[in-house]
């Protein structure tokens, strides 16, 4: 597993790059660095390396290249990975329909492996990192006053309704984009964007709570 530090900052966000192709991993690392993102990169060449990393750390974003799956069951791994962080997937354009459900739920962003896809992937990763930083900066809560099942409450009481909101908004955009008046289209797109940001904040809060809870229990 290769690790790289880009621009030290108190709010450094961990980014996991799941890429079997060393050349693409190097290009992506360089592209992310050019954006000046505040993050720690961990490049994993296998799915087992990613799983081992997630057992120890809570990343802000996971990027997966299709080369790393190597015939593995997509459903199984995406379920595990999207529970830990938002996922960006780079794959052949014809595979986009395989990821449509995940994209509609707001858990996955799909990038077709055509043209300058590395720069696009770097830009999406950096955007997710900045969202994570904003969410992390808001995590200044009195943890001792929260119930032990706070993380579970966040996931079930907020994320479940958000999944429905995102799914329905994405369906509206998919089926009625050409028919909606422009102001209405903008409002639906705003709903999607705000719902994704709220889901990111919820994810960061629940992960931060679990880290604090684990620290308190091991002390």
C-alpha atoms as a PDB file:
ATOM      1  CA  UNK A   1       0.000   0.000   0.000  1.00  0.00           C
ATOM      2  CA  UNK A   2       1.424   3.360  -1.050  1.00  0.00           C
ATOM      3  CA  UNK A   3       0.795   6.400   1.128  1.00  0.00           C
ATOM      4  CA  UNK A   4       1.325  10.016   0.180  1.00  0.00           C
ATOM      5  CA  UNK A   5       0.791  13.199   2.156  1.00  0.00           C
ATOM      6  CA  UNK A   6      -0.501  16.238   0.292  1.00  0.00           C
ATOM      7  CA  UNK A   7      -0.290  19.588   2.094  1.00  0.00           C
ATOM      8  CA  UNK A   8      -0.442  19.089   5.876  1.00  0.00           C
ATOM      9  CA  UNK A   9      -3.497  20.620   7.527  1.00  0.00           C
ATOM     10  CA  UNK A  10      -5.347  20.040  10.820  1.00  0.00           C
ATOM     11  CA  UNK A  11      -8.358  18.819   8.852  1.00  0.00           C
ATOM     12  CA  UNK A  12      -6.471  16.355   6.628  1.00  0.00           C
ATOM     13  CA  UNK A  13      -8.953  13.983   5.019  1.00  0.00           C
ATOM     14  CA  UNK A  14      -8.025  10.407   4.203  1.00  0.00           C
ATOM     15  CA  UNK A  15      -8.543   9.336   0.591  1.00  0.00           C
ATOM     16  CA  UNK A  16      -8.329   5.691  -0.462  1.00  0.00           C
ATOM     17  CA  UNK A  17      -7.383   5.035  -4.084  1.00  0.00           C
ATOM     18  CA  UNK A  18      -8.253   1.505  -5.193  1.00  0.00           C
ATOM     19  CA  UNK A  19      -6.307   1.182  -8.439  1.00  0.00           C
ATOM     20  CA  UNK A  20      -4.482  -1.897  -9.731  1.00  0.00           C
ATOM     21  CA  UNK A  21      -2.777   0.063 -12.531  1.00  0.00           C
ATOM     22  CA  UNK A  22       0.278   1.753 -10.983  1.00  0.00           C
ATOM     23  CA  UNK A  23       0.555   4.268 -13.836  1.00  0.00           C
ATOM     24  CA  UNK A  24      -3.031   5.471 -13.395  1.00  0.00           C
ATOM     25  CA  UNK A  25      -2.537   5.647  -9.613  1.00  0.00           C
ATOM     26  CA  UNK A  26       0.528   7.843 -10.107  1.00  0.00           C
ATOM     27  CA  UNK A  27      -1.271  10.111 -12.591  1.00  0.00           C
ATOM     28  CA  UNK A  28      -4.248  10.488 -10.266  1.00  0.00           C
ATOM     29  CA  UNK A  29      -2.050  11.262  -7.261  1.00  0.00           C
ATOM     30  CA  UNK A  30      -0.290  13.967  -9.272  1.00  0.00           C
ATOM     31  CA  UNK A  31      -3.600  15.417 -10.507  1.00  0.00           C
ATOM     32  CA  UNK A  32      -5.028  15.607  -6.970  1.00  0.00           C
ATOM     33  CA  UNK A  33      -1.850  17.322  -5.759  1.00  0.00           C
ATOM     34  CA  UNK A  34      -2.270  20.008  -8.436  1.00  0.00           C
ATOM     35  CA  UNK A  35      -5.615  20.973  -6.895  1.00  0.00           C
ATOM     36  CA  UNK A  36      -3.868  21.625  -3.553  1.00  0.00           C
ATOM     37  CA  UNK A  37      -6.241  19.339  -1.659  1.00  0.00           C
ATOM     38  CA  UNK A  38      -5.758  18.776   2.080  1.00  0.00           C
ATOM     39  CA  UNK A  39      -5.630  14.997   2.206  1.00  0.00           C
ATOM     40  CA  UNK A  40      -3.684  11.855   2.956  1.00  0.00           C
ATOM     41  CA  UNK A  41      -3.693   9.402   0.057  1.00  0.00           C
ATOM     42  CA  UNK A  42      -3.530   5.643   0.494  1.00  0.00           C
ATOM     43  CA  UNK A  43      -3.157   3.785  -2.805  1.00  0.00           C
ATOM     44  CA  UNK A  44      -4.347   0.172  -2.618  1.00  0.00           C
ATOM     45  CA  UNK A  45      -3.763  -2.312  -5.439  1.00  0.00           C
ATOM     46  CA  UNK A  46      -6.234  -4.970  -4.225  1.00  0.00           C
ATOM     47  CA  UNK A  47      -9.668  -5.124  -2.624  1.00  0.00           C
ATOM     48  CA  UNK A  48      -8.186  -6.884   0.398  1.00  0.00           C
ATOM     49  CA  UNK A  49      -5.874  -3.921   0.972  1.00  0.00           C
ATOM     50  CA  UNK A  50      -8.859  -1.561   0.894  1.00  0.00           C
ATOM     51  CA  UNK A  51     -10.796  -3.682   3.378  1.00  0.00           C
ATOM     52  CA  UNK A  52      -7.799  -3.815   5.713  1.00  0.00           C
ATOM     53  CA  UNK A  53      -7.452  -0.043   5.467  1.00  0.00           C
ATOM     54  CA  UNK A  54     -11.142   0.540   6.251  1.00  0.00           C
ATOM     55  CA  UNK A  55     -10.872  -1.661   9.350  1.00  0.00           C
ATOM     56  CA  UNK A  56      -8.394   0.859  10.768  1.00  0.00           C
ATOM     57  CA  UNK A  57      -9.413   4.219   9.295  1.00  0.00           C
ATOM     58  CA  UNK A  58     -12.479   6.199   8.252  1.00  0.00           C
ATOM     59  CA  UNK A  59     -11.701   7.829   4.890  1.00  0.00           C
ATOM     60  CA  UNK A  60     -13.416  10.887   3.482  1.00  0.00           C
ATOM     61  CA  UNK A  61     -13.701   9.392   0.000  1.00  0.00           C
ATOM     62  CA  UNK A  62     -12.871   6.123  -1.779  1.00  0.00           C
ATOM     63  CA  UNK A  63     -11.948   6.048  -5.462  1.00  0.00           C
ATOM     64  CA  UNK A  64     -12.197   2.700  -7.253  1.00  0.00           C
ATOM     65  CA  UNK A  65     -10.864   1.867 -10.696  1.00  0.00           C
ATOM     66  CA  UNK A  66     -12.617  -1.029 -12.466  1.00  0.00           C
ATOM     67  CA  UNK A  67      -9.268  -2.824 -12.769  1.00  0.00           C
ATOM     68  CA  UNK A  68      -9.265  -3.533  -9.034  1.00  0.00           C
ATOM     69  CA  UNK A  69     -12.460  -5.631  -9.106  1.00  0.00           C
ATOM     70  CA  UNK A  70     -10.961  -8.348 -11.321  1.00  0.00           C
ATOM     71  CA  UNK A  71     -14.236 -10.300 -11.511  1.00  0.00           C
ATOM     72  CA  UNK A  72     -15.220  -9.768  -7.849  1.00  0.00           C
ATOM     73  CA  UNK A  73     -18.903  -9.290  -6.947  1.00  0.00           C
ATOM     74  CA  UNK A  74     -19.640  -5.588  -7.361  1.00  0.00           C
ATOM     75  CA  UNK A  75     -22.658  -5.539  -5.029  1.00  0.00           C
ATOM     76  CA  UNK A  76     -20.805  -7.026  -2.063  1.00  0.00           C
ATOM     77  CA  UNK A  77     -17.934  -4.579  -2.114  1.00  0.00           C
ATOM     78  CA  UNK A  78     -19.935  -1.446  -2.859  1.00  0.00           C
ATOM     79  CA  UNK A  79     -22.213  -2.203   0.082  1.00  0.00           C
ATOM     80  CA  UNK A  80     -19.176  -2.383   2.351  1.00  0.00           C
ATOM     81  CA  UNK A  81     -17.368   0.612   0.916  1.00  0.00           C
ATOM     82  CA  UNK A  82     -20.323   3.029   0.703  1.00  0.00           C
ATOM     83  CA  UNK A  83     -21.008   2.415   4.386  1.00  0.00           C
ATOM     84  CA  UNK A  84     -17.583   3.903   5.126  1.00  0.00           C
ATOM     85  CA  UNK A  85     -17.387   6.795   2.666  1.00  0.00           C
ATOM     86  CA  UNK A  86     -18.704   8.177  -0.631  1.00  0.00           C
ATOM     87  CA  UNK A  87     -17.275   6.293  -3.601  1.00  0.00           C
ATOM     88  CA  UNK A  88     -16.053   7.495  -6.990  1.00  0.00           C
ATOM     89  CA  UNK A  89     -15.859   4.750  -9.642  1.00  0.00           C
ATOM     90  CA  UNK A  90     -13.840   4.864 -12.868  1.00  0.00           C
ATOM     91  CA  UNK A  91     -15.011   2.272 -15.406  1.00  0.00           C
ATOM     92  CA  UNK A  92     -15.776   1.685 -19.079  1.00  0.00           C
ATOM     93  CA  UNK A  93     -18.702   3.787 -20.303  1.00  0.00           C
ATOM     94  CA  UNK A  94     -20.815   0.717 -21.134  1.00  0.00           C
ATOM     95  CA  UNK A  95     -20.774  -0.312 -17.459  1.00  0.00           C
ATOM     96  CA  UNK A  96     -22.511   2.844 -16.264  1.00  0.00           C
ATOM     97  CA  UNK A  97     -25.904   1.120 -15.998  1.00  0.00           C
ATOM     98  CA  UNK A  98     -24.427  -1.316 -13.444  1.00  0.00           C
ATOM     99  CA  UNK A  99     -23.828   1.621 -11.113  1.00  0.00           C
ATOM    100  CA  UNK A 100     -27.045   3.568 -11.796  1.00  0.00           C
ATOM    101  CA  UNK A 101     -28.765   2.507  -8.552  1.00  0.00           C
ATOM    102  CA  UNK A 102     -25.762   3.566  -6.489  1.00  0.00           C
ATOM    103  CA  UNK A 103     -25.487   6.869  -8.341  1.00  0.00           C
ATOM    104  CA  UNK A 104     -29.202   7.577  -7.817  1.00  0.00           C
ATOM    105  CA  UNK A 105     -28.801   6.971  -4.078  1.00  0.00           C
ATOM    106  CA  UNK A 106     -25.979   9.519  -3.920  1.00  0.00           C
ATOM    107  CA  UNK A 107     -23.398   6.984  -2.705  1.00  0.00           C
ATOM    108  CA  UNK A 108     -21.416   6.662  -5.955  1.00  0.00           C
ATOM    109  CA  UNK A 109     -20.207   9.011  -8.658  1.00  0.00           C
ATOM    110  CA  UNK A 110     -19.416   7.353 -11.990  1.00  0.00           C
ATOM    111  CA  UNK A 111     -16.643   8.430 -14.344  1.00  0.00           C
ATOM    112  CA  UNK A 112     -16.394   6.880 -17.807  1.00  0.00           C
ATOM    113  CA  UNK A 113     -12.849   5.803 -18.647  1.00  0.00           C
ATOM    114  CA  UNK A 114     -12.626   7.921 -21.783  1.00  0.00           C
ATOM    115  CA  UNK A 115     -10.679  11.043 -22.644  1.00  0.00           C
ATOM    116  CA  UNK A 116      -9.026  12.864 -19.746  1.00  0.00           C
ATOM    117  CA  UNK A 117     -10.890  10.821 -17.123  1.00  0.00           C
ATOM    118  CA  UNK A 118      -8.013  11.091 -14.616  1.00  0.00           C
ATOM    119  CA  UNK A 119      -8.391  14.875 -14.304  1.00  0.00           C
ATOM    120  CA  UNK A 120     -12.157  14.526 -13.915  1.00  0.00           C
ATOM    121  CA  UNK A 121     -11.685  11.877 -11.210  1.00  0.00           C
ATOM    122  CA  UNK A 122      -9.189  14.085  -9.378  1.00  0.00           C
ATOM    123  CA  UNK A 123     -11.649  16.982  -9.462  1.00  0.00           C
ATOM    124  CA  UNK A 124     -14.466  14.862  -8.011  1.00  0.00           C
ATOM    125  CA  UNK A 125     -12.195  13.499  -5.279  1.00  0.00           C
ATOM    126  CA  UNK A 126     -11.120  17.018  -4.323  1.00  0.00           C
ATOM    127  CA  UNK A 127     -14.743  18.192  -4.237  1.00  0.00           C
ATOM    128  CA  UNK A 128     -15.626  15.320  -1.896  1.00  0.00           C
ATOM    129  CA  UNK A 129     -12.585  16.109   0.272  1.00  0.00           C
ATOM    130  CA  UNK A 130     -13.705  19.718   0.634  1.00  0.00           C
ATOM    131  CA  UNK A 131     -17.222  18.634   1.558  1.00  0.00           C
ATOM    132  CA  UNK A 132     -15.722  16.301   4.163  1.00  0.00           C
ATOM    133  CA  UNK A 133     -13.590  19.138   5.568  1.00  0.00           C
ATOM    134  CA  UNK A 134     -16.632  21.388   5.952  1.00  0.00           C
ATOM    135  CA  UNK A 135     -18.554  18.611   7.668  1.00  0.00           C
ATOM    136  CA  UNK A 136     -15.589  17.782   9.929  1.00  0.00           C
ATOM    137  CA  UNK A 137     -15.211  21.414  10.969  1.00  0.00           C
ATOM    138  CA  UNK A 138     -18.802  21.315  12.204  1.00  0.00           C
ATOM    139  CA  UNK A 139     -18.099  18.338  14.454  1.00  0.00           C
ATOM    140  CA  UNK A 140     -17.568  20.136  17.730  1.00  0.00           C
ATOM    141  CA  UNK A 141     -20.260  18.465  19.788  1.00  0.00           C
ATOM    142  CA  UNK A 142     -20.326  17.525  23.489  1.00  0.00           C
ATOM    143  CA  UNK A 143     -19.919  13.793  22.795  1.00  0.00           C
ATOM    144  CA  UNK A 144     -20.436  12.783  26.407  1.00  0.00           C
ATOM    145  CA  UNK A 145     -24.004  14.077  26.266  1.00  0.00           C
ATOM    146  CA  UNK A 146     -24.964  11.928  23.275  1.00  0.00           C
ATOM    147  CA  UNK A 147     -26.593   8.466  23.592  1.00  0.00           C
ATOM    148  CA  UNK A 148     -24.481   5.343  22.883  1.00  0.00           C
ATOM    149  CA  UNK A 149     -26.514   4.575  19.747  1.00  0.00           C
ATOM    150  CA  UNK A 150     -26.091   8.080  18.313  1.00  0.00           C
ATOM    151  CA  UNK A 151     -24.360   6.830  15.134  1.00  0.00           C
ATOM    152  CA  UNK A 152     -27.126   4.306  14.506  1.00  0.00           C
ATOM    153  CA  UNK A 153     -29.790   6.973  15.035  1.00  0.00           C
ATOM    154  CA  UNK A 154     -28.107   9.232  12.486  1.00  0.00           C
ATOM    155  CA  UNK A 155     -27.870   6.502   9.878  1.00  0.00           C
ATOM    156  CA  UNK A 156     -31.398   5.180  10.244  1.00  0.00           C
ATOM    157  CA  UNK A 157     -33.349   8.338  11.016  1.00  0.00           C
ATOM    158  CA  UNK A 158     -31.593  10.616   8.533  1.00  0.00           C
ATOM    159  CA  UNK A 159     -29.889   8.521   5.858  1.00  0.00           C
ATOM    160  CA  UNK A 160     -32.887   6.300   5.161  1.00  0.00           C
ATOM    161  CA  UNK A 161     -35.231   9.214   4.332  1.00  0.00           C
ATOM    162  CA  UNK A 162     -32.406  10.898   2.405  1.00  0.00           C
ATOM    163  CA  UNK A 163     -32.040   7.817   0.213  1.00  0.00           C
ATOM    164  CA  UNK A 164     -35.699   8.178  -0.737  1.00  0.00           C
ATOM    165  CA  UNK A 165     -35.321  11.905  -1.393  1.00  0.00           C
ATOM    166  CA  UNK A 166     -32.270  11.377  -3.595  1.00  0.00           C
ATOM    167  CA  UNK A 167     -33.796   8.452  -5.454  1.00  0.00           C
ATOM    168  CA  UNK A 168     -37.003  10.317  -6.273  1.00  0.00           C
ATOM    169  CA  UNK A 169     -35.192  13.510  -7.247  1.00  0.00           C
ATOM    170  CA  UNK A 170     -32.845  11.546  -9.537  1.00  0.00           C
ATOM    171  CA  UNK A 171     -35.840   9.818 -11.129  1.00  0.00           C
ATOM    172  CA  UNK A 172     -37.433  13.203 -11.825  1.00  0.00           C
ATOM    173  CA  UNK A 173     -34.238  14.378 -13.486  1.00  0.00           C
ATOM    174  CA  UNK A 174     -33.868  11.154 -15.469  1.00  0.00           C
ATOM    175  CA  UNK A 175     -37.434  11.044 -16.826  1.00  0.00           C
ATOM    176  CA  UNK A 176     -38.570  14.673 -16.954  1.00  0.00           C
ATOM    177  CA  UNK A 177     -35.403  16.742 -17.461  1.00  0.00           C
ATOM    178  CA  UNK A 178     -36.471  17.802 -20.953  1.00  0.00           C
ATOM    179  CA  UNK A 179     -40.050  18.583 -19.872  1.00  0.00           C
ATOM    180  CA  UNK A 180     -39.419  20.533 -16.670  1.00  0.00           C
ATOM    181  CA  UNK A 181     -39.323  24.342 -16.879  1.00  0.00           C
ATOM    182  CA  UNK A 182     -35.826  25.633 -16.214  1.00  0.00           C
ATOM    183  CA  UNK A 183     -36.627  27.109 -12.737  1.00  0.00           C
ATOM    184  CA  UNK A 184     -38.181  23.794 -11.654  1.00  0.00           C
ATOM    185  CA  UNK A 185     -35.199  21.876 -13.025  1.00  0.00           C
ATOM    186  CA  UNK A 186     -32.846  24.080 -10.999  1.00  0.00           C
ATOM    187  CA  UNK A 187     -34.851  23.424  -7.840  1.00  0.00           C
ATOM    188  CA  UNK A 188     -34.722  19.648  -8.321  1.00  0.00           C
ATOM    189  CA  UNK A 189     -30.963  19.802  -8.924  1.00  0.00           C
ATOM    190  CA  UNK A 190     -30.620  21.881  -5.750  1.00  0.00           C
ATOM    191  CA  UNK A 191     -32.560  19.225  -3.813  1.00  0.00           C
ATOM    192  CA  UNK A 192     -30.116  16.571  -5.053  1.00  0.00           C
ATOM    193  CA  UNK A 193     -27.061  18.665  -4.179  1.00  0.00           C
ATOM    194  CA  UNK A 194     -28.282  19.589  -0.692  1.00  0.00           C
ATOM    195  CA  UNK A 195     -29.368  16.027   0.057  1.00  0.00           C
ATOM    196  CA  UNK A 196     -25.930  14.697  -0.919  1.00  0.00           C
ATOM    197  CA  UNK A 197     -24.221  17.314   1.257  1.00  0.00           C
ATOM    198  CA  UNK A 198     -26.475  16.477   4.196  1.00  0.00           C
ATOM    199  CA  UNK A 199     -25.722  12.797   3.737  1.00  0.00           C
ATOM    200  CA  UNK A 200     -21.999  13.580   3.786  1.00  0.00           C
ATOM    201  CA  UNK A 201     -22.357  15.569   7.009  1.00  0.00           C
ATOM    202  CA  UNK A 202     -24.341  12.730   8.570  1.00  0.00           C
ATOM    203  CA  UNK A 203     -21.703  10.219   7.548  1.00  0.00           C
ATOM    204  CA  UNK A 204     -18.893  12.330   8.998  1.00  0.00           C
ATOM    205  CA  UNK A 205     -20.765  12.908  12.251  1.00  0.00           C
ATOM    206  CA  UNK A 206     -21.504   9.218  12.738  1.00  0.00           C
ATOM    207  CA  UNK A 207     -17.907   8.250  11.918  1.00  0.00           C
ATOM    208  CA  UNK A 208     -16.556  10.914  14.291  1.00  0.00           C
ATOM    209  CA  UNK A 209     -18.885   9.691  17.042  1.00  0.00           C
ATOM    210  CA  UNK A 210     -17.755   6.093  16.566  1.00  0.00           C
ATOM    211  CA  UNK A 211     -14.089   7.143  16.768  1.00  0.00           C
ATOM    212  CA  UNK A 212     -14.733   9.114  19.952  1.00  0.00           C
ATOM    213  CA  UNK A 213     -16.770   6.268  21.421  1.00  0.00           C
ATOM    214  CA  UNK A 214     -14.026   3.721  20.665  1.00  0.00           C
ATOM    215  CA  UNK A 215     -11.395   6.003  22.196  1.00  0.00           C
ATOM    216  CA  UNK A 216     -13.480   6.429  25.361  1.00  0.00           C
ATOM    217  CA  UNK A 217     -14.048   2.693  25.707  1.00  0.00           C
ATOM    218  CA  UNK A 218     -10.367   1.821  25.253  1.00  0.00           C
ATOM    219  CA  UNK A 219      -9.174   4.513  27.689  1.00  0.00           C
END
